[in-house]
């Protein structure tokens, strides 16, 4: 199983997920989308699979700092443009093995995800 974790290295949730994956001996590659943008087709796939409401992190400072016009009338297309321009707004982590993906990190959902692979 080849698992990739997408996120930002200095994120506390990413650090927690990495530590947990190491203790559980789950092999993974880390993709830092602050250093290299997420491929656009992959981002579109996440938006289509999960919806913008799940993929776009509205709780972060980047989203809160947007103009009011950017925060209203969001759909998958508008979210895509916002996420390409502001990758730190992509929810983290996102796990993928190329066929299945999981957004966010909670122990129970992560364990079920890994078992399903």
C-alpha atoms as a PDB file:
ATOM      1  CA  UNK A   1       0.000   0.000   0.000  1.00  0.00           C
ATOM      2  CA  UNK A   2       1.374   3.386  -0.990  1.00  0.00           C
ATOM      3  CA  UNK A   3      -0.131   6.144   1.138  1.00  0.00           C
ATOM      4  CA  UNK A   4       0.479   9.866   0.730  1.00  0.00           C
ATOM      5  CA  UNK A   5      -0.318  12.476   3.349  1.00  0.00           C
ATOM      6  CA  UNK A   6      -0.929  15.952   1.917  1.00  0.00           C
ATOM      7  CA  UNK A   7      -0.483  18.957   4.161  1.00  0.00           C
ATOM      8  CA  UNK A   8       1.813  21.620   5.544  1.00  0.00           C
ATOM      9  CA  UNK A   9       4.815  20.596   7.621  1.00  0.00           C
ATOM     10  CA  UNK A  10       4.344  23.112  10.437  1.00  0.00           C
ATOM     11  CA  UNK A  11       0.657  22.257  11.038  1.00  0.00           C
ATOM     12  CA  UNK A  12      -0.061  20.791  14.493  1.00  0.00           C
ATOM     13  CA  UNK A  13      -2.563  18.286  13.104  1.00  0.00           C
ATOM     14  CA  UNK A  14       0.010  17.115  10.560  1.00  0.00           C
ATOM     15  CA  UNK A  15       2.565  16.649  13.347  1.00  0.00           C
ATOM     16  CA  UNK A  16       0.043  14.643  15.369  1.00  0.00           C
ATOM     17  CA  UNK A  17      -0.872  12.496  12.353  1.00  0.00           C
ATOM     18  CA  UNK A  18       2.777  11.843  11.468  1.00  0.00           C
ATOM     19  CA  UNK A  19       3.564  10.803  15.026  1.00  0.00           C
ATOM     20  CA  UNK A  20       0.559   8.481  15.139  1.00  0.00           C
ATOM     21  CA  UNK A  21       1.380   6.931  11.778  1.00  0.00           C
ATOM     22  CA  UNK A  22       4.941   6.298  12.939  1.00  0.00           C
ATOM     23  CA  UNK A  23       3.787   4.618  16.165  1.00  0.00           C
ATOM     24  CA  UNK A  24       1.320   2.490  14.175  1.00  0.00           C
ATOM     25  CA  UNK A  25       4.035   1.685  11.624  1.00  0.00           C
ATOM     26  CA  UNK A  26       1.968   3.000   8.716  1.00  0.00           C
ATOM     27  CA  UNK A  27       4.310   3.805   5.841  1.00  0.00           C
ATOM     28  CA  UNK A  28       3.580   7.045   4.029  1.00  0.00           C
ATOM     29  CA  UNK A  29       5.043   9.769   1.884  1.00  0.00           C
ATOM     30  CA  UNK A  30       4.522  13.381   2.863  1.00  0.00           C
ATOM     31  CA  UNK A  31       3.554  15.971   0.250  1.00  0.00           C
ATOM     32  CA  UNK A  32       3.998  19.546   1.487  1.00  0.00           C
ATOM     33  CA  UNK A  33       1.706  21.651  -0.659  1.00  0.00           C
ATOM     34  CA  UNK A  34       3.278  24.859   0.576  1.00  0.00           C
ATOM     35  CA  UNK A  35       6.473  23.794  -1.226  1.00  0.00           C
ATOM     36  CA  UNK A  36       4.828  22.295  -4.305  1.00  0.00           C
ATOM     37  CA  UNK A  37       1.219  22.948  -5.361  1.00  0.00           C
ATOM     38  CA  UNK A  38      -1.234  20.071  -5.320  1.00  0.00           C
ATOM     39  CA  UNK A  39      -1.784  18.892  -8.898  1.00  0.00           C
ATOM     40  CA  UNK A  40      -4.920  20.627 -10.138  1.00  0.00           C
ATOM     41  CA  UNK A  41      -6.594  17.388 -11.257  1.00  0.00           C
ATOM     42  CA  UNK A  42      -6.086  15.920  -7.786  1.00  0.00           C
ATOM     43  CA  UNK A  43      -7.567  19.029  -6.151  1.00  0.00           C
ATOM     44  CA  UNK A  44     -10.559  18.890  -8.526  1.00  0.00           C
ATOM     45  CA  UNK A  45     -10.997  15.228  -7.637  1.00  0.00           C
ATOM     46  CA  UNK A  46     -11.105  15.998  -3.901  1.00  0.00           C
ATOM     47  CA  UNK A  47     -13.632  18.773  -4.476  1.00  0.00           C
ATOM     48  CA  UNK A  48     -15.817  16.472  -6.576  1.00  0.00           C
ATOM     49  CA  UNK A  49     -15.549  13.592  -4.099  1.00  0.00           C
ATOM     50  CA  UNK A  50     -15.959  15.497  -0.820  1.00  0.00           C
ATOM     51  CA  UNK A  51     -17.396  18.911  -1.774  1.00  0.00           C
ATOM     52  CA  UNK A  52     -15.837  22.288  -1.158  1.00  0.00           C
ATOM     53  CA  UNK A  53     -17.317  22.470   2.362  1.00  0.00           C
ATOM     54  CA  UNK A  54     -15.029  19.613   3.449  1.00  0.00           C
ATOM     55  CA  UNK A  55     -11.890  20.472   1.476  1.00  0.00           C
ATOM     56  CA  UNK A  56     -11.772  24.231   2.134  1.00  0.00           C
ATOM     57  CA  UNK A  57     -10.673  25.117   5.666  1.00  0.00           C
ATOM     58  CA  UNK A  58     -12.815  28.081   6.702  1.00  0.00           C
ATOM     59  CA  UNK A  59     -11.449  28.136  10.260  1.00  0.00           C
ATOM     60  CA  UNK A  60      -7.928  29.276   9.370  1.00  0.00           C
ATOM     61  CA  UNK A  61      -6.506  32.770   9.298  1.00  0.00           C
ATOM     62  CA  UNK A  62      -6.089  32.741   5.516  1.00  0.00           C
ATOM     63  CA  UNK A  63      -9.826  32.281   4.915  1.00  0.00           C
ATOM     64  CA  UNK A  64     -10.761  34.795   7.583  1.00  0.00           C
ATOM     65  CA  UNK A  65      -8.466  37.337   5.908  1.00  0.00           C
ATOM     66  CA  UNK A  66     -10.186  37.087   2.522  1.00  0.00           C
ATOM     67  CA  UNK A  67     -12.376  39.853   1.156  1.00  0.00           C
ATOM     68  CA  UNK A  68     -16.061  39.440   1.907  1.00  0.00           C
ATOM     69  CA  UNK A  69     -16.766  38.848  -1.800  1.00  0.00           C
ATOM     70  CA  UNK A  70     -14.364  35.884  -1.817  1.00  0.00           C
ATOM     71  CA  UNK A  71     -16.123  34.322   1.185  1.00  0.00           C
ATOM     72  CA  UNK A  72     -19.615  34.425  -0.317  1.00  0.00           C
ATOM     73  CA  UNK A  73     -21.379  32.330  -2.949  1.00  0.00           C
ATOM     74  CA  UNK A  74     -18.738  29.608  -2.823  1.00  0.00           C
ATOM     75  CA  UNK A  75     -19.188  26.547  -5.006  1.00  0.00           C
ATOM     76  CA  UNK A  76     -16.688  23.907  -6.144  1.00  0.00           C
ATOM     77  CA  UNK A  77     -15.435  26.117  -8.988  1.00  0.00           C
ATOM     78  CA  UNK A  78     -14.893  29.183  -6.817  1.00  0.00           C
ATOM     79  CA  UNK A  79     -13.365  27.012  -4.070  1.00  0.00           C
ATOM     80  CA  UNK A  80     -10.956  25.529  -6.615  1.00  0.00           C
ATOM     81  CA  UNK A  81      -9.747  28.999  -7.619  1.00  0.00           C
ATOM     82  CA  UNK A  82      -9.386  30.046  -3.963  1.00  0.00           C
ATOM     83  CA  UNK A  83      -7.452  26.880  -3.080  1.00  0.00           C
ATOM     84  CA  UNK A  84      -5.096  27.190  -6.044  1.00  0.00           C
ATOM     85  CA  UNK A  85      -4.351  30.790  -5.022  1.00  0.00           C
ATOM     86  CA  UNK A  86      -4.207  29.989  -1.283  1.00  0.00           C
ATOM     87  CA  UNK A  87      -3.086  26.378  -0.737  1.00  0.00           C
ATOM     88  CA  UNK A  88      -2.918  26.853   3.025  1.00  0.00           C
ATOM     89  CA  UNK A  89      -6.749  26.819   2.956  1.00  0.00           C
ATOM     90  CA  UNK A  90      -6.788  23.169   1.896  1.00  0.00           C
ATOM     91  CA  UNK A  91      -8.010  21.090   4.828  1.00  0.00           C
ATOM     92  CA  UNK A  92      -5.246  19.033   6.345  1.00  0.00           C
ATOM     93  CA  UNK A  93      -4.259  16.396   6.296  1.00  0.00           C
ATOM     94  CA  UNK A  94      -5.638  14.649   3.247  1.00  0.00           C
ATOM     95  CA  UNK A  95      -4.606  11.016   2.856  1.00  0.00           C
ATOM     96  CA  UNK A  96      -4.709   9.202  -0.468  1.00  0.00           C
ATOM     97  CA  UNK A  97      -3.518   5.951  -1.965  1.00  0.00           C
ATOM     98  CA  UNK A  98      -4.522   7.018  -5.474  1.00  0.00           C
ATOM     99  CA  UNK A  99      -7.901   5.273  -5.295  1.00  0.00           C
ATOM    100  CA  UNK A 100      -9.321   6.242  -1.897  1.00  0.00           C
ATOM    101  CA  UNK A 101      -8.922   9.438   0.072  1.00  0.00           C
ATOM    102  CA  UNK A 102      -9.645  10.697   3.579  1.00  0.00           C
ATOM    103  CA  UNK A 103      -9.899  14.331   4.645  1.00  0.00           C
ATOM    104  CA  UNK A 104      -8.878  15.286   8.175  1.00  0.00           C
ATOM    105  CA  UNK A 105      -7.386  13.278  10.997  1.00  0.00           C
ATOM    106  CA  UNK A 106      -9.198  11.475  13.775  1.00  0.00           C
ATOM    107  CA  UNK A 107      -7.846   8.218  15.162  1.00  0.00           C
ATOM    108  CA  UNK A 108     -10.983   6.137  14.544  1.00  0.00           C
ATOM    109  CA  UNK A 109     -11.656   7.338  10.999  1.00  0.00           C
ATOM    110  CA  UNK A 110      -7.975   7.041  10.093  1.00  0.00           C
ATOM    111  CA  UNK A 111      -7.772   3.466  11.435  1.00  0.00           C
ATOM    112  CA  UNK A 112     -10.899   2.486   9.490  1.00  0.00           C
ATOM    113  CA  UNK A 113      -9.489   4.135   6.361  1.00  0.00           C
ATOM    114  CA  UNK A 114      -6.170   2.251   6.615  1.00  0.00           C
ATOM    115  CA  UNK A 115      -7.972  -1.053   7.193  1.00  0.00           C
ATOM    116  CA  UNK A 116     -10.092  -0.459   4.085  1.00  0.00           C
ATOM    117  CA  UNK A 117      -7.055  -0.081   1.824  1.00  0.00           C
END
